[in-house]
Amino acid sequence: MGCKIGRWVFLDTTLFSEFDLVEFGDFSALNLGTTVQTHLFEDRVMKTAGLKIGRNCTVANMSAVLYGTEMKDGSWLGPLSVLMKGETLPAMTRWQGIPSQLALPPRPAAIRIKLPLTSQPTKAPVRANPTSVPPTSVPPRPTSASILLPVIKSSKPQMVLPVVWQERAANLQKTTRQL
């Protein structure tokens, strides 16, 4: 009697009833606001059935899983989605929407390309009373911009960080080494 919960399950919701009809596999995650509904009233008749969420499955924020469903190992239900009664998600697939539909695969890796900008460095506006506050120059605008484009050849997902983020990460590493 009671809910069957596997090992290392992340359960960030309390929105389910009829605990004895629910089964969560090992390493699965039910995120914030997920509703696990094991009953419905149809034509003034209460219908109940169990549901099973397999190993390594993810149910994203604010999604609903209705009764009589099964999520095979490694399946993923996206945010604000509904898994309709009696449906089964195949293993290692991603679904989202109302009703849930097969989602597109994740975006490919990205590379950085620098493009020249047309603007030149600017100066600060002239003030009415230059003796009170000395004029300062505005730092020059960057002469190039970084954009991210997909890489088709790479099979592993990877992301190239903008130069500013790389510099901040390097400064953070230096600071932590000094401590």
N, C-alpha and C. Protein backbone atom coordinates (compact mmCIF):
# COMPACT_ATOMS: atom_id res chain seq x y z
N MET A 1 0.84 -1.17 0.00
CA MET A 1 0.00 0.00 0.00
C MET A 1 0.89 1.24 0.00
N GLY A 2 0.48 2.26 -0.70
CA GLY A 2 1.23 3.50 -0.77
C GLY A 2 1.91 3.67 -2.11
N CYS A 3 2.55 4.79 -2.27
CA CYS A 3 3.23 5.14 -3.51
C CYS A 3 4.54 4.37 -3.63
N LYS A 4 4.85 3.88 -4.83
CA LYS A 4 6.11 3.19 -5.07
C LYS A 4 7.08 4.19 -5.66
N ILE A 5 8.09 4.56 -4.87
CA ILE A 5 9.07 5.56 -5.30
C ILE A 5 10.44 4.91 -5.34
N GLY A 6 11.12 5.04 -6.50
CA GLY A 6 12.45 4.46 -6.67
C GLY A 6 13.51 5.27 -5.94
N ARG A 7 14.74 4.90 -6.17
CA ARG A 7 15.87 5.58 -5.52
C ARG A 7 16.23 6.85 -6.26
N TRP A 8 16.64 7.88 -5.52
CA TRP A 8 17.11 9.16 -6.03
C TRP A 8 16.07 9.83 -6.93
N VAL A 9 14.85 9.83 -6.50
CA VAL A 9 13.77 10.49 -7.22
C VAL A 9 13.66 11.93 -6.73
N PHE A 10 13.57 12.88 -7.66
CA PHE A 10 13.36 14.29 -7.33
C PHE A 10 11.87 14.55 -7.44
N LEU A 11 11.24 14.83 -6.32
CA LEU A 11 9.78 15.00 -6.26
C LEU A 11 9.51 16.39 -5.69
N ASP A 12 9.26 17.37 -6.58
CA ASP A 12 9.05 18.75 -6.16
C ASP A 12 7.59 19.14 -6.31
N THR A 13 6.70 18.21 -6.02
CA THR A 13 5.28 18.48 -6.11
C THR A 13 4.53 17.64 -5.08
N THR A 14 3.41 18.14 -4.67
CA THR A 14 2.52 17.37 -3.79
C THR A 14 1.16 17.22 -4.45
N LEU A 15 1.10 17.52 -5.73
CA LEU A 15 -0.17 17.52 -6.44
C LEU A 15 -0.50 16.15 -7.03
N PHE A 16 -0.65 15.16 -6.17
CA PHE A 16 -1.19 13.89 -6.64
C PHE A 16 -1.97 13.21 -5.54
N SER A 17 -2.98 12.51 -5.95
CA SER A 17 -3.85 11.80 -5.00
C SER A 17 -3.81 10.31 -5.33
N GLU A 18 -4.51 9.52 -4.55
CA GLU A 18 -4.50 8.05 -4.70
C GLU A 18 -3.06 7.54 -4.83
N PHE A 19 -2.32 7.71 -3.77
CA PHE A 19 -0.89 7.38 -3.78
C PHE A 19 -0.61 5.94 -4.17
N ASP A 20 -1.51 5.04 -3.85
CA ASP A 20 -1.26 3.63 -4.13
C ASP A 20 -1.35 3.30 -5.62
N LEU A 21 -1.76 4.21 -6.47
CA LEU A 21 -1.86 3.98 -7.91
C LEU A 21 -0.68 4.55 -8.69
N VAL A 22 0.33 5.10 -8.00
CA VAL A 22 1.44 5.80 -8.65
C VAL A 22 2.74 5.04 -8.43
N GLU A 23 3.56 4.98 -9.49
CA GLU A 23 4.87 4.34 -9.39
C GLU A 23 5.91 5.21 -10.10
N PHE A 24 6.98 5.57 -9.38
CA PHE A 24 8.07 6.37 -9.94
C PHE A 24 9.33 5.51 -9.98
N GLY A 25 9.99 5.46 -11.15
CA GLY A 25 11.22 4.70 -11.29
C GLY A 25 12.42 5.44 -10.73
N ASP A 26 13.54 4.75 -10.63
CA ASP A 26 14.78 5.34 -10.12
C ASP A 26 15.21 6.54 -10.96
N PHE A 27 15.78 7.54 -10.31
CA PHE A 27 16.37 8.72 -10.93
C PHE A 27 15.39 9.54 -11.77
N SER A 28 14.12 9.43 -11.53
CA SER A 28 13.15 10.26 -12.27
C SER A 28 12.94 11.57 -11.53
N ALA A 29 12.39 12.56 -12.26
CA ALA A 29 12.22 13.90 -11.69
C ALA A 29 10.83 14.42 -12.02
N LEU A 30 10.10 14.84 -10.99
CA LEU A 30 8.82 15.51 -11.16
C LEU A 30 9.02 16.92 -10.63
N ASN A 31 9.03 17.89 -11.53
CA ASN A 31 9.40 19.25 -11.17
C ASN A 31 8.23 20.03 -10.59
N LEU A 32 8.50 21.28 -10.25
CA LEU A 32 7.56 22.16 -9.56
C LEU A 32 6.21 22.25 -10.27
N GLY A 33 5.15 22.03 -9.52
CA GLY A 33 3.80 22.19 -10.04
C GLY A 33 3.29 21.05 -10.89
N THR A 34 4.03 19.96 -10.98
CA THR A 34 3.58 18.81 -11.76
C THR A 34 2.35 18.19 -11.10
N THR A 35 1.34 17.87 -11.90
CA THR A 35 0.13 17.24 -11.39
C THR A 35 0.09 15.80 -11.87
N VAL A 36 0.01 14.87 -10.94
CA VAL A 36 -0.14 13.45 -11.25
C VAL A 36 -1.56 13.09 -10.89
N GLN A 37 -2.41 12.92 -11.90
CA GLN A 37 -3.84 12.75 -11.65
C GLN A 37 -4.23 11.32 -11.98
N THR A 38 -4.64 10.60 -10.96
CA THR A 38 -5.01 9.19 -11.13
C THR A 38 -6.51 8.98 -11.18
N HIS A 39 -7.28 10.05 -11.28
CA HIS A 39 -8.74 9.91 -11.39
C HIS A 39 -9.32 11.05 -12.22
N LEU A 40 -10.47 10.79 -12.82
CA LEU A 40 -11.24 11.80 -13.54
C LEU A 40 -12.72 11.46 -13.40
N PHE A 41 -13.55 12.48 -13.46
CA PHE A 41 -14.98 12.27 -13.51
C PHE A 41 -15.42 12.42 -14.97
N GLU A 42 -15.95 11.34 -15.52
CA GLU A 42 -16.43 11.34 -16.90
C GLU A 42 -17.89 10.90 -16.90
N ASP A 43 -18.78 11.74 -17.39
CA ASP A 43 -20.22 11.45 -17.42
C ASP A 43 -20.73 11.04 -16.04
N ARG A 44 -20.35 11.81 -15.03
CA ARG A 44 -20.75 11.61 -13.64
C ARG A 44 -20.29 10.27 -13.06
N VAL A 45 -19.24 9.70 -13.64
CA VAL A 45 -18.67 8.45 -13.14
C VAL A 45 -17.20 8.70 -12.83
N MET A 46 -16.79 8.32 -11.62
CA MET A 46 -15.38 8.49 -11.25
C MET A 46 -14.58 7.31 -11.78
N LYS A 47 -13.56 7.62 -12.59
CA LYS A 47 -12.71 6.58 -13.16
C LYS A 47 -11.30 6.75 -12.60
N THR A 48 -10.72 5.65 -12.16
CA THR A 48 -9.36 5.67 -11.63
C THR A 48 -8.53 4.59 -12.31
N ALA A 49 -7.24 4.83 -12.39
CA ALA A 49 -6.29 3.84 -12.92
C ALA A 49 -4.90 4.27 -12.48
N GLY A 50 -3.99 3.34 -12.49
CA GLY A 50 -2.62 3.64 -12.09
C GLY A 50 -1.84 4.29 -13.21
N LEU A 51 -0.68 4.79 -12.85
CA LEU A 51 0.24 5.32 -13.85
C LEU A 51 1.65 5.00 -13.42
N LYS A 52 2.52 4.88 -14.42
CA LYS A 52 3.90 4.50 -14.14
C LYS A 52 4.84 5.47 -14.85
N ILE A 53 5.78 6.01 -14.09
CA ILE A 53 6.83 6.86 -14.63
C ILE A 53 8.13 6.09 -14.44
N GLY A 54 8.79 5.74 -15.56
CA GLY A 54 9.94 4.85 -15.54
C GLY A 54 11.22 5.49 -15.05
N ARG A 55 12.31 4.75 -15.19
CA ARG A 55 13.64 5.23 -14.77
C ARG A 55 14.10 6.39 -15.64
N ASN A 56 14.80 7.35 -15.01
CA ASN A 56 15.40 8.50 -15.70
C ASN A 56 14.40 9.33 -16.50
N CYS A 57 13.16 9.37 -16.07
CA CYS A 57 12.15 10.17 -16.75
C CYS A 57 12.07 11.56 -16.12
N THR A 58 11.63 12.54 -16.91
CA THR A 58 11.46 13.90 -16.42
C THR A 58 10.08 14.40 -16.80
N VAL A 59 9.39 14.94 -15.80
CA VAL A 59 8.13 15.64 -16.04
C VAL A 59 8.40 17.08 -15.65
N ALA A 60 8.37 17.97 -16.64
CA ALA A 60 8.78 19.37 -16.42
C ALA A 60 7.71 20.16 -15.70
N ASN A 61 8.04 21.42 -15.39
CA ASN A 61 7.19 22.30 -14.59
C ASN A 61 5.78 22.43 -15.14
N MET A 62 4.82 22.41 -14.23
CA MET A 62 3.41 22.69 -14.51
C MET A 62 2.80 21.75 -15.54
N SER A 63 3.29 20.53 -15.65
CA SER A 63 2.73 19.54 -16.57
C SER A 63 1.77 18.63 -15.81
N ALA A 64 0.90 17.96 -16.56
CA ALA A 64 -0.06 17.04 -15.96
C ALA A 64 0.07 15.67 -16.60
N VAL A 65 0.08 14.65 -15.77
CA VAL A 65 0.10 13.28 -16.23
C VAL A 65 -1.21 12.65 -15.76
N LEU A 66 -2.04 12.22 -16.71
CA LEU A 66 -3.35 11.66 -16.37
C LEU A 66 -3.26 10.16 -16.15
N TYR A 67 -4.34 9.57 -15.67
CA TYR A 67 -4.36 8.16 -15.28
C TYR A 67 -4.24 7.22 -16.48
N GLY A 68 -3.77 6.02 -16.20
CA GLY A 68 -3.65 4.99 -17.24
C GLY A 68 -2.49 5.22 -18.19
N THR A 69 -1.53 6.04 -17.83
CA THR A 69 -0.41 6.35 -18.72
C THR A 69 0.87 5.68 -18.24
N GLU A 70 1.83 5.64 -19.15
CA GLU A 70 3.14 5.11 -18.80
C GLU A 70 4.21 5.89 -19.55
N MET A 71 5.23 6.27 -18.82
CA MET A 71 6.41 6.90 -19.41
C MET A 71 7.53 5.87 -19.35
N LYS A 72 7.95 5.40 -20.51
CA LYS A 72 9.04 4.42 -20.57
C LYS A 72 10.35 5.08 -20.15
N ASP A 73 11.36 4.28 -19.87
CA ASP A 73 12.64 4.76 -19.35
C ASP A 73 13.26 5.84 -20.23
N GLY A 74 13.65 6.96 -19.59
CA GLY A 74 14.33 8.04 -20.27
C GLY A 74 13.45 9.00 -21.03
N SER A 75 12.14 8.86 -20.95
CA SER A 75 11.27 9.79 -21.68
C SER A 75 11.15 11.10 -20.93
N TRP A 76 10.74 12.15 -21.65
CA TRP A 76 10.72 13.52 -21.12
C TRP A 76 9.43 14.17 -21.55
N LEU A 77 8.71 14.77 -20.60
CA LEU A 77 7.49 15.53 -20.89
C LEU A 77 7.78 16.98 -20.58
N GLY A 78 7.63 17.85 -21.57
CA GLY A 78 8.01 19.25 -21.46
C GLY A 78 7.12 20.06 -20.54
N PRO A 79 7.49 21.32 -20.29
CA PRO A 79 6.71 22.18 -19.41
C PRO A 79 5.35 22.52 -20.01
N LEU A 80 4.37 22.72 -19.14
CA LEU A 80 3.00 23.08 -19.53
C LEU A 80 2.42 22.09 -20.53
N SER A 81 2.67 20.81 -20.32
CA SER A 81 2.19 19.76 -21.23
C SER A 81 1.22 18.84 -20.49
N VAL A 82 0.44 18.10 -21.27
CA VAL A 82 -0.50 17.13 -20.70
C VAL A 82 -0.30 15.79 -21.38
N LEU A 83 -0.07 14.76 -20.58
CA LEU A 83 -0.01 13.39 -21.08
C LEU A 83 -1.40 12.80 -20.89
N MET A 84 -2.12 12.61 -21.99
CA MET A 84 -3.53 12.21 -21.95
C MET A 84 -3.68 10.77 -21.47
N LYS A 85 -4.87 10.45 -20.98
CA LYS A 85 -5.13 9.13 -20.41
C LYS A 85 -4.90 8.03 -21.44
N GLY A 86 -4.30 6.96 -20.96
CA GLY A 86 -4.06 5.78 -21.79
C GLY A 86 -2.86 5.87 -22.72
N GLU A 87 -2.14 6.98 -22.74
CA GLU A 87 -0.99 7.12 -23.64
C GLU A 87 0.27 6.53 -23.02
N THR A 88 1.19 6.12 -23.89
CA THR A 88 2.49 5.61 -23.46
C THR A 88 3.56 6.35 -24.23
N LEU A 89 4.51 6.93 -23.50
CA LEU A 89 5.64 7.60 -24.14
C LEU A 89 6.76 6.59 -24.34
N PRO A 90 7.25 6.42 -25.58
CA PRO A 90 8.34 5.47 -25.82
C PRO A 90 9.62 5.89 -25.10
N ALA A 91 10.50 4.95 -24.92
CA ALA A 91 11.76 5.22 -24.22
C ALA A 91 12.62 6.21 -24.99
N MET A 92 13.32 7.06 -24.25
CA MET A 92 14.29 8.01 -24.78
C MET A 92 13.69 8.98 -25.80
N THR A 93 12.48 9.46 -25.56
CA THR A 93 11.85 10.43 -26.45
C THR A 93 11.47 11.67 -25.67
N ARG A 94 11.27 12.80 -26.39
CA ARG A 94 10.89 14.08 -25.77
C ARG A 94 9.53 14.48 -26.32
N TRP A 95 8.61 14.83 -25.40
CA TRP A 95 7.25 15.18 -25.77
C TRP A 95 6.87 16.49 -25.11
N GLN A 96 6.00 17.27 -25.77
CA GLN A 96 5.50 18.49 -25.15
C GLN A 96 4.23 18.93 -25.85
N GLY A 97 3.47 19.78 -25.15
CA GLY A 97 2.25 20.34 -25.72
C GLY A 97 1.00 19.80 -25.07
N ILE A 98 -0.15 20.36 -25.51
CA ILE A 98 -1.46 19.93 -25.02
C ILE A 98 -2.31 19.58 -26.23
N PRO A 99 -2.60 18.35 -26.51
CA PRO A 99 -2.02 17.13 -25.93
C PRO A 99 -0.56 16.98 -26.35
N SER A 100 0.16 16.13 -25.67
CA SER A 100 1.59 16.01 -25.91
C SER A 100 1.87 15.45 -27.31
N GLN A 101 2.88 16.03 -27.94
CA GLN A 101 3.34 15.61 -29.26
C GLN A 101 4.84 15.47 -29.22
N LEU A 102 5.37 14.69 -30.14
CA LEU A 102 6.81 14.47 -30.20
C LEU A 102 7.51 15.80 -30.43
N ALA A 103 8.47 16.13 -29.59
CA ALA A 103 9.20 17.41 -29.66
C ALA A 103 10.38 17.28 -30.60
N LEU A 104 10.86 18.43 -31.04
CA LEU A 104 12.04 18.46 -31.89
C LEU A 104 13.26 18.07 -31.07
N PRO A 105 14.30 17.54 -31.72
CA PRO A 105 15.53 17.22 -30.98
C PRO A 105 16.19 18.50 -30.48
N PRO A 106 17.09 18.40 -29.51
CA PRO A 106 17.75 19.59 -28.99
C PRO A 106 18.56 20.28 -30.08
N ARG A 107 18.81 21.58 -29.87
CA ARG A 107 19.56 22.35 -30.85
C ARG A 107 20.97 21.83 -31.00
N PRO A 108 21.55 21.94 -32.20
CA PRO A 108 22.94 21.48 -32.37
C PRO A 108 23.92 22.42 -31.67
N ALA A 109 25.19 22.04 -31.71
CA ALA A 109 26.24 22.86 -31.09
C ALA A 109 26.36 24.19 -31.80
N ALA A 110 27.13 25.10 -31.24
CA ALA A 110 27.24 26.44 -31.81
C ALA A 110 28.69 26.86 -31.92
N ILE A 111 28.96 27.78 -32.86
CA ILE A 111 30.28 28.38 -33.00
C ILE A 111 30.12 29.90 -32.95
N ARG A 112 31.20 30.61 -32.68
CA ARG A 112 31.16 32.05 -32.58
C ARG A 112 31.76 32.66 -33.84
N ILE A 113 31.07 33.66 -34.39
CA ILE A 113 31.55 34.39 -35.55
C ILE A 113 31.54 35.87 -35.19
N LYS A 114 32.62 36.58 -35.49
CA LYS A 114 32.68 38.01 -35.20
C LYS A 114 32.27 38.80 -36.43
N LEU A 115 31.38 39.74 -36.21
CA LEU A 115 30.91 40.61 -37.29
C LEU A 115 31.31 42.04 -36.96
N PRO A 116 31.76 42.81 -37.94
CA PRO A 116 32.11 44.20 -37.66
C PRO A 116 30.86 45.05 -37.46
N LEU A 117 30.97 46.02 -36.56
CA LEU A 117 29.89 46.98 -36.35
C LEU A 117 30.23 48.25 -37.09
N THR A 118 29.20 48.98 -37.49
CA THR A 118 29.43 50.21 -38.25
C THR A 118 29.61 51.42 -37.35
N SER A 119 29.23 51.34 -36.08
CA SER A 119 29.31 52.52 -35.22
C SER A 119 30.74 52.76 -34.76
N GLN A 120 31.04 54.02 -34.51
CA GLN A 120 32.35 54.45 -34.05
C GLN A 120 32.25 54.84 -32.58
N PRO A 121 33.40 54.94 -31.87
CA PRO A 121 33.35 55.40 -30.48
C PRO A 121 32.71 56.78 -30.39
N THR A 122 31.97 57.00 -29.31
CA THR A 122 31.27 58.27 -29.13
C THR A 122 31.86 59.04 -27.96
N LYS A 123 31.60 60.33 -27.92
CA LYS A 123 32.03 61.18 -26.82
C LYS A 123 30.83 61.57 -25.99
N ALA A 124 31.09 61.93 -24.76
CA ALA A 124 30.01 62.35 -23.86
C ALA A 124 29.42 63.66 -24.34
N PRO A 125 28.14 63.90 -24.09
CA PRO A 125 27.53 65.16 -24.50
C PRO A 125 28.14 66.32 -23.71
N VAL A 126 28.17 67.49 -24.33
CA VAL A 126 28.72 68.70 -23.69
C VAL A 126 27.69 69.20 -22.67
N ARG A 127 28.17 69.52 -21.45
CA ARG A 127 27.27 69.98 -20.40
C ARG A 127 27.15 71.51 -20.45
N ALA A 128 26.08 72.01 -19.90
CA ALA A 128 25.83 73.46 -19.91
C ALA A 128 26.88 74.19 -19.08
N ASN A 129 27.30 73.64 -17.94
CA ASN A 129 28.27 74.28 -17.08
C ASN A 129 29.50 73.38 -16.97
N PRO A 130 30.46 73.50 -17.87
CA PRO A 130 31.58 72.56 -17.87
C PRO A 130 32.52 72.72 -16.69
N THR A 131 32.46 73.81 -15.92
CA THR A 131 33.37 73.99 -14.80
C THR A 131 32.98 73.17 -13.59
N SER A 132 31.70 72.85 -13.43
CA SER A 132 31.27 72.10 -12.25
C SER A 132 31.63 70.62 -12.34
N VAL A 133 31.45 70.05 -13.48
CA VAL A 133 31.75 68.63 -13.65
C VAL A 133 32.64 68.50 -14.87
N PRO A 134 33.83 67.94 -14.71
CA PRO A 134 34.69 67.80 -15.88
C PRO A 134 34.08 66.80 -16.87
N PRO A 135 34.18 67.09 -18.15
CA PRO A 135 33.62 66.16 -19.13
C PRO A 135 34.42 64.86 -19.15
N THR A 136 33.72 63.80 -19.28
CA THR A 136 34.36 62.48 -19.37
C THR A 136 33.98 61.86 -20.69
N SER A 137 34.85 61.04 -21.17
CA SER A 137 34.54 60.38 -22.43
C SER A 137 33.85 59.05 -22.14
N VAL A 138 32.93 58.71 -22.99
CA VAL A 138 32.22 57.45 -22.89
C VAL A 138 33.13 56.36 -23.44
N PRO A 139 33.18 55.20 -22.77
CA PRO A 139 34.04 54.15 -23.30
C PRO A 139 33.61 53.79 -24.72
N PRO A 140 34.56 53.45 -25.57
CA PRO A 140 34.21 53.15 -26.96
C PRO A 140 33.35 51.89 -27.04
N ARG A 141 32.50 51.88 -28.03
CA ARG A 141 31.67 50.70 -28.27
C ARG A 141 32.54 49.62 -28.91
N PRO A 142 32.15 48.37 -28.74
CA PRO A 142 32.95 47.31 -29.35
C PRO A 142 32.91 47.42 -30.87
N THR A 143 34.01 47.03 -31.49
CA THR A 143 34.08 47.09 -32.95
C THR A 143 33.63 45.80 -33.61
N SER A 144 33.32 44.78 -32.82
CA SER A 144 32.82 43.53 -33.39
C SER A 144 31.81 42.93 -32.44
N ALA A 145 30.96 42.10 -32.96
CA ALA A 145 29.94 41.44 -32.16
C ALA A 145 30.05 39.94 -32.35
N SER A 146 29.74 39.20 -31.31
CA SER A 146 29.77 37.74 -31.40
C SER A 146 28.35 37.23 -31.58
N ILE A 147 28.18 36.30 -32.48
CA ILE A 147 26.90 35.64 -32.64
C ILE A 147 27.14 34.14 -32.62
N LEU A 148 26.10 33.39 -32.32
CA LEU A 148 26.22 31.94 -32.26
C LEU A 148 25.49 31.33 -33.45
N LEU A 149 26.15 30.43 -34.15
CA LEU A 149 25.56 29.73 -35.28
C LEU A 149 25.64 28.24 -35.04
N PRO A 150 24.68 27.47 -35.56
CA PRO A 150 24.71 26.03 -35.34
C PRO A 150 25.85 25.36 -36.09
N VAL A 151 26.40 24.33 -35.49
CA VAL A 151 27.42 23.51 -36.12
C VAL A 151 26.76 22.19 -36.49
N ILE A 152 26.79 21.85 -37.74
CA ILE A 152 26.09 20.65 -38.20
C ILE A 152 26.96 19.40 -38.02
N LYS A 153 28.29 19.53 -38.14
CA LYS A 153 29.18 18.38 -38.13
C LYS A 153 29.29 17.73 -36.76
N SER A 154 29.18 18.48 -35.68
CA SER A 154 29.42 17.96 -34.34
C SER A 154 28.23 17.14 -33.87
N SER A 155 28.51 15.99 -33.27
CA SER A 155 27.43 15.16 -32.73
C SER A 155 27.23 15.40 -31.24
N LYS A 156 28.22 15.97 -30.56
CA LYS A 156 28.09 16.24 -29.14
C LYS A 156 27.60 17.67 -28.94
N PRO A 157 26.61 17.88 -28.06
CA PRO A 157 26.17 19.26 -27.83
C PRO A 157 27.24 20.04 -27.07
N GLN A 158 27.56 21.22 -27.56
CA GLN A 158 28.53 22.08 -26.91
C GLN A 158 28.17 23.52 -27.19
N MET A 159 28.59 24.41 -26.32
CA MET A 159 28.26 25.82 -26.47
C MET A 159 29.52 26.63 -26.30
N VAL A 160 29.75 27.56 -27.18
CA VAL A 160 30.89 28.46 -27.08
C VAL A 160 30.42 29.70 -26.34
N LEU A 161 31.09 30.01 -25.25
CA LEU A 161 30.70 31.16 -24.45
C LEU A 161 31.21 32.45 -25.08
N PRO A 162 30.46 33.53 -24.94
CA PRO A 162 30.97 34.82 -25.41
C PRO A 162 32.25 35.18 -24.68
N VAL A 163 33.06 36.01 -25.30
CA VAL A 163 34.37 36.39 -24.75
C VAL A 163 34.23 36.99 -23.37
N VAL A 164 33.18 37.79 -23.14
CA VAL A 164 32.99 38.43 -21.84
C VAL A 164 32.83 37.37 -20.75
N TRP A 165 32.07 36.34 -21.05
CA TRP A 165 31.86 35.28 -20.05
C TRP A 165 33.15 34.52 -19.80
N GLN A 166 33.95 34.30 -20.85
CA GLN A 166 35.23 33.61 -20.68
C GLN A 166 36.14 34.43 -19.78
N GLU A 167 36.15 35.76 -19.97
CA GLU A 167 36.99 36.62 -19.13
C GLU A 167 36.51 36.60 -17.68
N ARG A 168 35.20 36.64 -17.48
CA ARG A 168 34.67 36.59 -16.11
C ARG A 168 35.01 35.27 -15.44
N ALA A 169 34.92 34.18 -16.18
CA ALA A 169 35.25 32.87 -15.62
C ALA A 169 36.73 32.81 -15.24
N ALA A 170 37.60 33.38 -16.10
CA ALA A 170 39.03 33.39 -15.80
C ALA A 170 39.31 34.24 -14.56
N ASN A 171 38.65 35.40 -14.43
CA ASN A 171 38.84 36.24 -13.24
C ASN A 171 38.35 35.55 -11.99
N LEU A 172 37.24 34.83 -12.09
CA LEU A 172 36.72 34.10 -10.94
C LEU A 172 37.68 33.01 -10.51
N GLN A 173 38.29 32.31 -11.47
CA GLN A 173 39.27 31.28 -11.13
C GLN A 173 40.49 31.89 -10.45
N LYS A 174 40.95 33.04 -10.92
CA LYS A 174 42.09 33.69 -10.29
C LYS A 174 41.76 34.09 -8.85
N THR A 175 40.56 34.62 -8.65
CA THR A 175 40.15 35.04 -7.31
C THR A 175 40.07 33.85 -6.36
N THR A 176 39.52 32.75 -6.83
CA THR A 176 39.40 31.58 -5.94
C THR A 176 40.75 30.97 -5.64
N ARG A 177 41.69 31.06 -6.57
CA ARG A 177 43.04 30.55 -6.30
C ARG A 177 43.75 31.38 -5.23
N GLN A 178 43.50 32.69 -5.25
CA GLN A 178 44.13 33.57 -4.26
C GLN A 178 43.61 33.32 -2.87
N LEU A 179 42.36 32.90 -2.76
CA LEU A 179 41.78 32.64 -1.44
C LEU A 179 42.32 31.36 -0.93
